[in-house]
Every structure is written in structure tokens, then in C-alpha cells.
Amino acid sequence: MPPLPKLLGTGLPLAVLLAVAGAALLALGTHLQQRRAAALSPTGSSTPPALGLLLASPLWLLGGALIGLETVANIVALGLAPVALIQPLGTLSLVVAVLLTAASTRTRPSGAVLGAVLLVIGSVSVFVTVAGRHMDSAPAPGPGVVLLALGLLALSGLGMVVARSRTGHAARVAVAAVLFGCVASGAHVVASRLLTGEGLDPVTWTVLAGLAPASGAGIWLVQTAYASGSAASVLAGLTVIDPLTAIAVGGLVLGEARPVSTAAALLLLVSAVGALWGVRVLVRHRPGTPAPASSPAQRGSADTMEGARAEGVPAPS
């Protein structure tokens, strides 16, 4: 059997495959968990239901198991390839979520939605192909790892404050996405060292120590976001802000970016804009979402309730 480092040298296709499979698992797991969290939450509250209620729900537990499998697949993928290459593939989870919503509501996707799906898939494919040629997965410099560890701990505290506050749905999703982007970067540092047989030095242990509180804060934030909005809006924020954060950390903090030609930079920019535009269309044209209400107050209420119905959540009586 070839040594592990040699296998890792040809592991890019496997990393991409694992990341794509993880995106599908994330979409399905999020879809199931949001249904139960929104159904069990008090009407009009952004507070998630009691943990005991969630743990007693087989549907919520199944969603958690699928997200757990996604986490394992993503960590292995992050050990095989640069974080700035793997994280953008998470955008595909929104595509899967939209198709799941269409199936669960028995609503045929419109031409705009199908066009957006193709745009996201095409744009992400171009981005991954170009980025894969201009990213290194070499061991990160010590100062960058220390900075990442400190950032994980600081963001964990911020996440818990936001989760316990009266902050709105969008802010909860944004903070959770930044947390998960940094967690992915930390997991990349740890997994790449383990898979190459280098082991964990004291600096890398600081990153590992920061992963647990950051992950916990991000998961709790997502649960509070489920209670105040749809799975589609949660996934939209995560699939846009998470990879952007991971790319920034990978390139600026971990030093993975190599010099990029003008043509490559232009392709990366165009593909990123295309993916973001496709995500925007998918969120605005979720299956099962009617036209906006006339007043701002009615519009906010209708958006939350219809978003929940689109995910299969029964309306409260």
C-alpha cells in the first residue's frame, strides 16, 4: 500500500467528492432539523425549544446524524485539500435544499429557480477548478495558527452573547457563518497535520482547543435561527458567508494563496459573483413562498410563516 503522504498527493478528487457529498448531507439534515425546531418553538419567538424536546424527536435526531456525517466528510476533505477550495463547495447545499423544498411541497421549480441552480453549480465548478491551481495546503505558519486559535475563542464568546440576545434572524445566521468558516479553517489545520503524519505541535493544540466552543456556539446560533426563519435562509447565509470567511482565513492568515494571474483572478471574481447571484435568486424564489405582503409588518410575518410552511412545518393554530 502506498504511504499516506503519496496518497494525499493525489487526494484532490476525493476531497471534492467528499465535500459535495457533505453538502447534500448538510442540506437534508438542516431541512429535517429546521422542521422540528420551528414546529416545537413558541410562536413568534427566536428562542429554540428545550433541548429535551429536540432530543425526544426522531426527526431532529436523524437530521443531527446526517449533519454529523457531513462534518466527518468535510473534515477529511479539509485534510486533503486547501480550505479555500473545499468550503465554496458548501454552496451546493442550498441547491439541494431548494430541490428538497420543491419535492416536499410538491411544487415545480420555476424557470428562474432552475436557471439559478445551473448558475450556482457552474460557477462553483469554475471557482473550484481555478482555485485548486492557485492554493497550497502546506503547513500554516505558527503566528497564523495562534491568531486563528485566538479568533476561535473570541468568536465563541460573541456567538453565545448573540444567541442569548434579542438579535434578529439575519445577525444570528451571519455570526454563525463566520464561526463555521473559522472552524473549517481550524479543522483544516488539524486534519492536514494528522493525515500527513506530522502530529500536533503545541500551537496546533491551541486551535484544537478552540474548535469545540466555537462549534458549540455556532450550532446553538443555528438552532435559534431555525426558530425565527426558514432552512433556506439559514443555508443561504451559511453557504455565502462561511466560504468567504474560510477563503479569507486560508489566504490571509494561513498563507495558502499563491500568486494569481490576471486572467485567473478575473475568472475567480466572475465565478464568485455568479454563485452569489444564483444564491440570491434561490432565496428570493423559494418554492412555496408567495408574493410579499403589502405592509412591512405583514411582509415580515408572512416571510417567516411561509418559509416555515415551505420546509414542511405546520402552521400554529
Protein backbone atom coordinates (compact mmCIF):
# COMPACT_ATOMS: atom_id res chain seq x y z
CA MET A 1 0.00 0.00 0.00
CA PRO A 2 1.45 3.44 -0.93
CA PRO A 3 2.44 5.66 2.01
CA LEU A 4 -0.19 8.11 3.22
CA PRO A 5 1.64 11.27 2.04
CA LYS A 6 1.76 9.85 -1.51
CA LEU A 7 -1.96 9.10 -1.41
CA LEU A 8 -2.62 12.61 -0.14
CA GLY A 9 -0.77 13.99 -3.13
CA THR A 10 -3.49 12.58 -5.40
CA GLY A 11 -6.36 13.17 -2.96
CA LEU A 12 -7.87 16.27 -4.56
CA PRO A 13 -10.65 14.41 -6.48
CA LEU A 14 -11.56 12.50 -3.30
CA ALA A 15 -11.62 15.75 -1.31
CA VAL A 16 -14.01 17.34 -3.82
CA LEU A 17 -16.23 14.25 -3.84
CA LEU A 18 -16.40 14.22 -0.03
CA ALA A 19 -17.21 17.95 0.06
CA VAL A 20 -20.04 17.57 -2.49
CA ALA A 21 -21.48 14.58 -0.57
CA GLY A 22 -21.20 16.62 2.61
CA ALA A 23 -23.15 19.48 1.04
CA ALA A 24 -26.01 17.11 0.24
CA LEU A 25 -25.99 15.67 3.76
CA LEU A 26 -25.95 19.16 5.27
CA ALA A 27 -28.96 20.24 3.21
CA LEU A 28 -31.01 17.19 4.18
CA GLY A 29 -30.01 17.35 7.83
CA THR A 30 -30.78 21.06 8.04
CA HIS A 31 -34.12 20.53 6.33
CA LEU A 32 -35.15 17.91 8.91
CA GLN A 33 -33.87 19.79 11.95
CA GLN A 34 -35.48 23.08 10.95
CA ARG A 35 -38.86 21.38 10.58
CA ARG A 36 -38.77 20.13 14.15
CA ALA A 37 -37.12 23.19 15.74
CA ALA A 38 -39.63 25.58 14.17
CA ALA A 39 -42.61 23.32 15.00
CA LEU A 40 -41.57 22.97 18.65
CA SER A 41 -40.66 26.64 19.22
CA PRO A 42 -43.07 29.16 20.78
CA THR A 43 -44.94 31.13 18.14
CA GLY A 44 -43.11 34.31 17.13
CA SER A 45 -40.07 33.51 19.32
CA SER A 46 -36.45 33.25 18.24
CA THR A 47 -35.74 31.06 21.28
CA PRO A 48 -35.11 27.42 20.34
CA PRO A 49 -37.20 24.72 22.01
CA ALA A 50 -35.92 22.97 25.11
CA LEU A 51 -33.12 20.52 24.41
CA GLY A 52 -35.20 17.71 25.88
CA LEU A 53 -37.93 18.26 23.30
CA LEU A 54 -35.41 18.17 20.47
CA LEU A 55 -33.69 15.04 21.80
CA ALA A 56 -37.09 13.32 22.00
CA SER A 57 -37.75 13.99 18.31
CA PRO A 58 -36.58 11.18 15.98
CA LEU A 59 -36.72 13.58 13.02
CA TRP A 60 -34.43 16.08 14.74
CA LEU A 61 -32.02 13.31 15.78
CA LEU A 62 -31.91 11.97 12.22
CA GLY A 63 -31.08 15.44 10.94
CA GLY A 64 -28.32 15.68 13.54
CA ALA A 65 -26.90 12.31 12.49
CA LEU A 66 -26.78 13.44 8.84
CA ILE A 67 -25.05 16.68 9.83
CA GLY A 68 -22.60 14.61 11.87
CA LEU A 69 -21.76 12.55 8.79
CA GLU A 70 -21.33 15.78 6.82
CA THR A 71 -18.90 17.03 9.46
CA VAL A 72 -16.77 13.89 9.19
CA ALA A 73 -16.74 14.07 5.38
CA ASN A 74 -15.85 17.75 5.44
CA ILE A 75 -13.03 17.32 7.96
CA VAL A 76 -11.43 14.59 5.84
CA ALA A 77 -11.84 16.78 2.74
CA LEU A 78 -10.21 19.69 4.59
CA GLY A 79 -7.28 17.45 5.43
CA LEU A 80 -6.81 16.56 1.78
CA ALA A 81 -7.18 20.00 0.16
CA PRO A 82 -6.89 23.73 0.94
CA VAL A 83 -9.76 25.24 2.91
CA ALA A 84 -10.35 27.90 0.23
CA LEU A 85 -11.03 25.12 -2.26
CA ILE A 86 -13.31 22.93 -0.12
CA GLN A 87 -15.55 25.45 1.64
CA PRO A 88 -17.07 27.05 -1.52
CA LEU A 89 -18.47 23.62 -2.42
CA GLY A 90 -20.83 24.04 0.52
CA THR A 91 -22.82 26.43 -1.68
CA LEU A 92 -24.25 23.36 -3.37
CA SER A 93 -26.17 22.57 -0.16
CA LEU A 94 -28.54 25.44 -0.93
CA VAL A 95 -29.23 23.94 -4.35
CA VAL A 96 -30.10 20.62 -2.70
CA ALA A 97 -32.24 22.41 -0.10
CA VAL A 98 -34.28 24.19 -2.76
CA LEU A 99 -34.88 20.92 -4.60
CA LEU A 100 -35.87 19.24 -1.31
CA THR A 101 -38.32 22.03 -0.61
CA ALA A 102 -39.82 21.66 -4.07
CA ALA A 103 -40.24 17.93 -3.53
CA SER A 104 -41.73 18.26 -0.03
CA THR A 105 -44.22 20.92 -1.14
CA ARG A 106 -44.89 19.20 -4.48
CA THR A 107 -44.15 22.49 -6.20
CA ARG A 108 -42.40 22.50 -9.56
CA PRO A 109 -39.39 24.85 -9.56
CA SER A 110 -39.78 27.86 -11.82
CA GLY A 111 -37.50 28.62 -14.73
CA ALA A 112 -35.73 31.24 -12.61
CA VAL A 113 -35.01 28.68 -9.89
CA LEU A 114 -33.73 26.07 -12.34
CA GLY A 115 -31.57 28.70 -14.02
CA ALA A 116 -30.17 29.74 -10.63
CA VAL A 117 -29.39 26.10 -9.78
CA LEU A 118 -27.41 25.72 -13.00
CA LEU A 119 -25.69 29.07 -12.40
CA VAL A 120 -24.58 28.07 -8.89
CA ILE A 121 -23.33 24.65 -10.00
CA GLY A 122 -21.47 26.08 -12.99
CA SER A 123 -19.98 28.99 -11.04
CA VAL A 124 -18.81 26.81 -8.16
CA SER A 125 -17.28 24.32 -10.61
CA VAL A 126 -15.27 27.08 -12.29
CA PHE A 127 -14.21 28.56 -8.94
CA VAL A 128 -13.03 25.21 -7.57
CA THR A 129 -11.14 24.36 -10.78
CA VAL A 130 -9.28 27.69 -10.85
CA ALA A 131 -8.72 27.91 -7.08
CA GLY A 132 -7.31 24.39 -6.99
CA ARG A 133 -4.43 25.54 -9.19
CA HIS A 134 -3.54 28.52 -7.02
CA MET A 135 -3.80 27.20 -3.49
CA ASP A 136 -1.25 25.35 -1.36
CA SER A 137 -2.12 23.09 1.56
CA ALA A 138 1.32 23.42 3.10
CA PRO A 139 1.57 23.61 6.93
CA ALA A 140 0.41 27.00 8.14
CA PRO A 141 2.89 29.38 9.79
CA GLY A 142 2.93 29.39 13.59
CA PRO A 143 1.75 33.00 14.10
CA GLY A 144 -1.19 32.42 11.77
CA VAL A 145 -2.28 29.35 13.72
CA VAL A 146 -2.06 31.26 17.02
CA LEU A 147 -4.13 34.10 15.55
CA LEU A 148 -6.74 31.61 14.34
CA ALA A 149 -6.93 29.98 17.79
CA LEU A 150 -7.46 33.34 19.50
CA GLY A 151 -10.09 34.24 16.91
CA LEU A 152 -11.99 31.00 17.57
CA LEU A 153 -12.15 31.71 21.30
CA ALA A 154 -13.19 35.33 20.83
CA LEU A 155 -15.89 34.44 18.30
CA SER A 156 -17.19 31.70 20.63
CA GLY A 157 -17.90 34.33 23.28
CA LEU A 158 -19.53 36.62 20.74
CA GLY A 159 -21.68 33.76 19.46
CA MET A 160 -23.03 32.94 22.91
CA VAL A 161 -23.84 36.61 23.55
CA VAL A 162 -25.75 36.86 20.27
CA ALA A 163 -27.56 33.56 20.91
CA ARG A 164 -28.86 34.86 24.27
CA SER A 165 -29.76 38.31 22.96
CA ARG A 166 -32.79 39.61 21.10
CA THR A 167 -30.77 39.96 17.90
CA GLY A 168 -32.69 39.20 14.71
CA HIS A 169 -32.54 36.22 12.38
CA ALA A 170 -30.04 37.67 9.87
CA ALA A 171 -27.46 38.60 12.52
CA ARG A 172 -27.66 35.13 14.07
CA VAL A 173 -27.05 33.48 10.71
CA ALA A 174 -24.17 35.86 9.89
CA VAL A 175 -22.32 35.28 13.18
CA ALA A 176 -22.86 31.51 12.93
CA ALA A 177 -21.49 31.52 9.37
CA VAL A 178 -18.34 33.41 10.40
CA LEU A 179 -17.87 30.94 13.26
CA PHE A 180 -18.22 27.94 10.95
CA GLY A 181 -15.83 29.48 8.42
CA CYS A 182 -13.19 29.80 11.14
CA VAL A 183 -13.98 26.31 12.46
CA ALA A 184 -13.43 24.91 8.95
CA SER A 185 -10.06 26.66 8.80
CA GLY A 186 -9.09 25.25 12.18
CA ALA A 187 -10.22 21.76 11.21
CA HIS A 188 -8.11 22.06 8.05
CA VAL A 189 -5.00 22.86 10.09
CA VAL A 190 -5.56 19.94 12.49
CA ALA A 191 -6.67 17.37 9.89
CA SER A 192 -3.89 18.16 7.42
CA ARG A 193 -1.23 17.64 10.09
CA LEU A 194 -2.78 14.38 11.26
CA LEU A 195 -3.28 12.95 7.77
CA THR A 196 0.30 13.75 6.74
CA GLY A 197 1.65 12.11 9.89
CA GLU A 198 3.15 15.31 11.32
CA GLY A 199 1.22 15.13 14.58
CA LEU A 200 0.04 18.08 16.64
CA ASP A 201 2.54 20.57 17.95
CA PRO A 202 1.65 22.82 20.92
CA VAL A 203 0.47 25.61 18.62
CA THR A 204 -1.91 23.30 16.75
CA TRP A 205 -3.29 22.05 20.06
CA THR A 206 -4.44 25.61 20.77
CA VAL A 207 -6.51 25.51 17.58
CA LEU A 208 -7.96 22.13 18.53
CA ALA A 209 -8.92 23.54 21.93
CA GLY A 210 -10.79 26.39 20.26
CA LEU A 211 -12.79 24.19 17.87
CA ALA A 212 -15.18 22.76 20.49
CA PRO A 213 -16.51 26.04 21.96
CA ALA A 214 -16.68 27.66 18.51
CA SER A 215 -18.61 24.71 17.07
CA GLY A 216 -20.96 24.66 20.06
CA ALA A 217 -21.68 28.37 19.79
CA GLY A 218 -22.28 28.08 16.04
CA ILE A 219 -24.64 25.12 16.43
CA TRP A 220 -26.65 26.90 19.14
CA LEU A 221 -26.89 30.04 17.00
CA VAL A 222 -28.21 27.99 14.08
CA GLN A 223 -30.88 26.45 16.32
CA THR A 224 -32.05 29.91 17.37
CA ALA A 225 -32.06 30.94 13.71
CA TYR A 226 -34.23 27.91 12.83
CA ALA A 227 -36.81 29.17 15.32
CA SER A 228 -37.11 32.54 13.58
CA GLY A 229 -36.72 31.71 9.87
CA SER A 230 -36.60 29.03 7.21
CA ALA A 231 -33.90 26.46 6.49
CA ALA A 232 -33.40 28.09 3.09
CA SER A 233 -32.49 31.46 4.63
CA VAL A 234 -30.15 29.78 7.15
CA LEU A 235 -28.40 27.80 4.42
CA ALA A 236 -28.20 30.88 2.21
CA GLY A 237 -26.28 32.81 4.84
CA LEU A 238 -24.05 29.88 5.74
CA THR A 239 -23.19 28.99 2.14
CA VAL A 240 -22.22 32.57 1.30
CA ILE A 241 -20.52 33.92 4.44
CA ASP A 242 -18.91 30.65 5.59
CA PRO A 243 -16.79 30.09 2.44
CA LEU A 244 -15.90 33.78 2.17
CA THR A 245 -14.63 33.66 5.76
CA ALA A 246 -12.73 30.43 5.11
CA ILE A 247 -11.14 31.84 1.95
CA ALA A 248 -10.05 34.99 3.80
CA VAL A 249 -8.59 32.98 6.70
CA GLY A 250 -6.91 30.47 4.39
CA GLY A 251 -5.32 33.13 2.21
CA LEU A 252 -4.57 35.92 4.70
CA VAL A 253 -3.97 34.05 7.98
CA LEU A 254 -2.78 30.58 6.97
CA GLY A 255 -0.82 31.71 3.92
CA GLU A 256 -2.28 29.21 1.42
CA ALA A 257 -2.73 31.59 -1.51
CA ARG A 258 -0.19 31.58 -4.32
CA PRO A 259 0.32 34.39 -6.85
CA VAL A 260 -2.66 34.58 -9.20
CA SER A 261 -2.55 35.78 -12.82
CA THR A 262 -4.92 38.49 -14.00
CA ALA A 263 -6.93 36.01 -16.06
CA ALA A 264 -7.26 33.60 -13.12
CA ALA A 265 -8.26 36.42 -10.77
CA LEU A 266 -10.91 37.54 -13.23
CA LEU A 267 -12.30 34.00 -13.50
CA LEU A 268 -12.41 33.69 -9.72
CA LEU A 269 -14.21 37.02 -9.42
CA VAL A 270 -16.76 36.26 -12.15
CA SER A 271 -17.49 32.77 -10.80
CA ALA A 272 -17.86 34.08 -7.23
CA VAL A 273 -20.27 36.78 -8.37
CA GLY A 274 -22.20 34.21 -10.40
CA ALA A 275 -22.53 31.89 -7.41
CA LEU A 276 -23.65 34.72 -5.12
CA TRP A 277 -26.21 35.90 -7.67
CA GLY A 278 -27.55 32.37 -8.04
CA VAL A 279 -27.87 32.05 -4.26
CA ARG A 280 -29.73 35.37 -4.16
CA VAL A 281 -32.22 34.14 -6.77
CA LEU A 282 -32.75 30.85 -4.94
CA VAL A 283 -33.50 32.61 -1.66
CA ARG A 284 -35.89 35.13 -3.26
CA HIS A 285 -37.76 32.44 -5.23
CA ARG A 286 -38.07 29.61 -2.70
CA PRO A 287 -40.78 27.12 -3.73
CA GLY A 288 -43.90 27.65 -1.68
CA THR A 289 -43.22 31.32 -0.91
CA PRO A 290 -45.99 33.70 -2.05
CA ALA A 291 -45.71 37.29 -3.12
CA PRO A 292 -44.76 39.73 -0.31
CA ALA A 293 -47.50 41.22 1.85
CA SER A 294 -48.43 44.87 1.45
CA SER A 295 -47.09 46.31 4.71
CA PRO A 296 -43.60 45.82 6.20
CA ALA A 297 -45.05 44.18 9.35
CA GLN A 298 -47.21 41.81 7.34
CA ARG A 299 -44.31 41.12 5.00
CA GLY A 300 -42.00 40.08 7.88
CA SER A 301 -44.66 37.83 9.41
CA ALA A 302 -45.56 36.21 6.10
CA ASP A 303 -41.93 35.61 5.25
CA THR A 304 -41.31 33.71 8.47
CA MET A 305 -44.52 31.68 8.41
CA GLU A 306 -44.47 30.80 4.73
CA GLY A 307 -40.78 29.97 4.96
CA ALA A 308 -41.65 27.51 7.70
CA ARG A 309 -44.52 26.03 5.67
CA ALA A 310 -42.19 25.69 2.70
CA GLU A 311 -40.00 23.49 4.87
CA GLY A 312 -42.96 21.30 5.84
CA VAL A 313 -43.67 22.93 9.21
CA PRO A 314 -47.38 23.06 10.15
CA ALA A 315 -48.79 26.47 10.89
CA PRO A 316 -49.59 27.11 14.56
CA SER A 317 -53.27 27.24 15.41
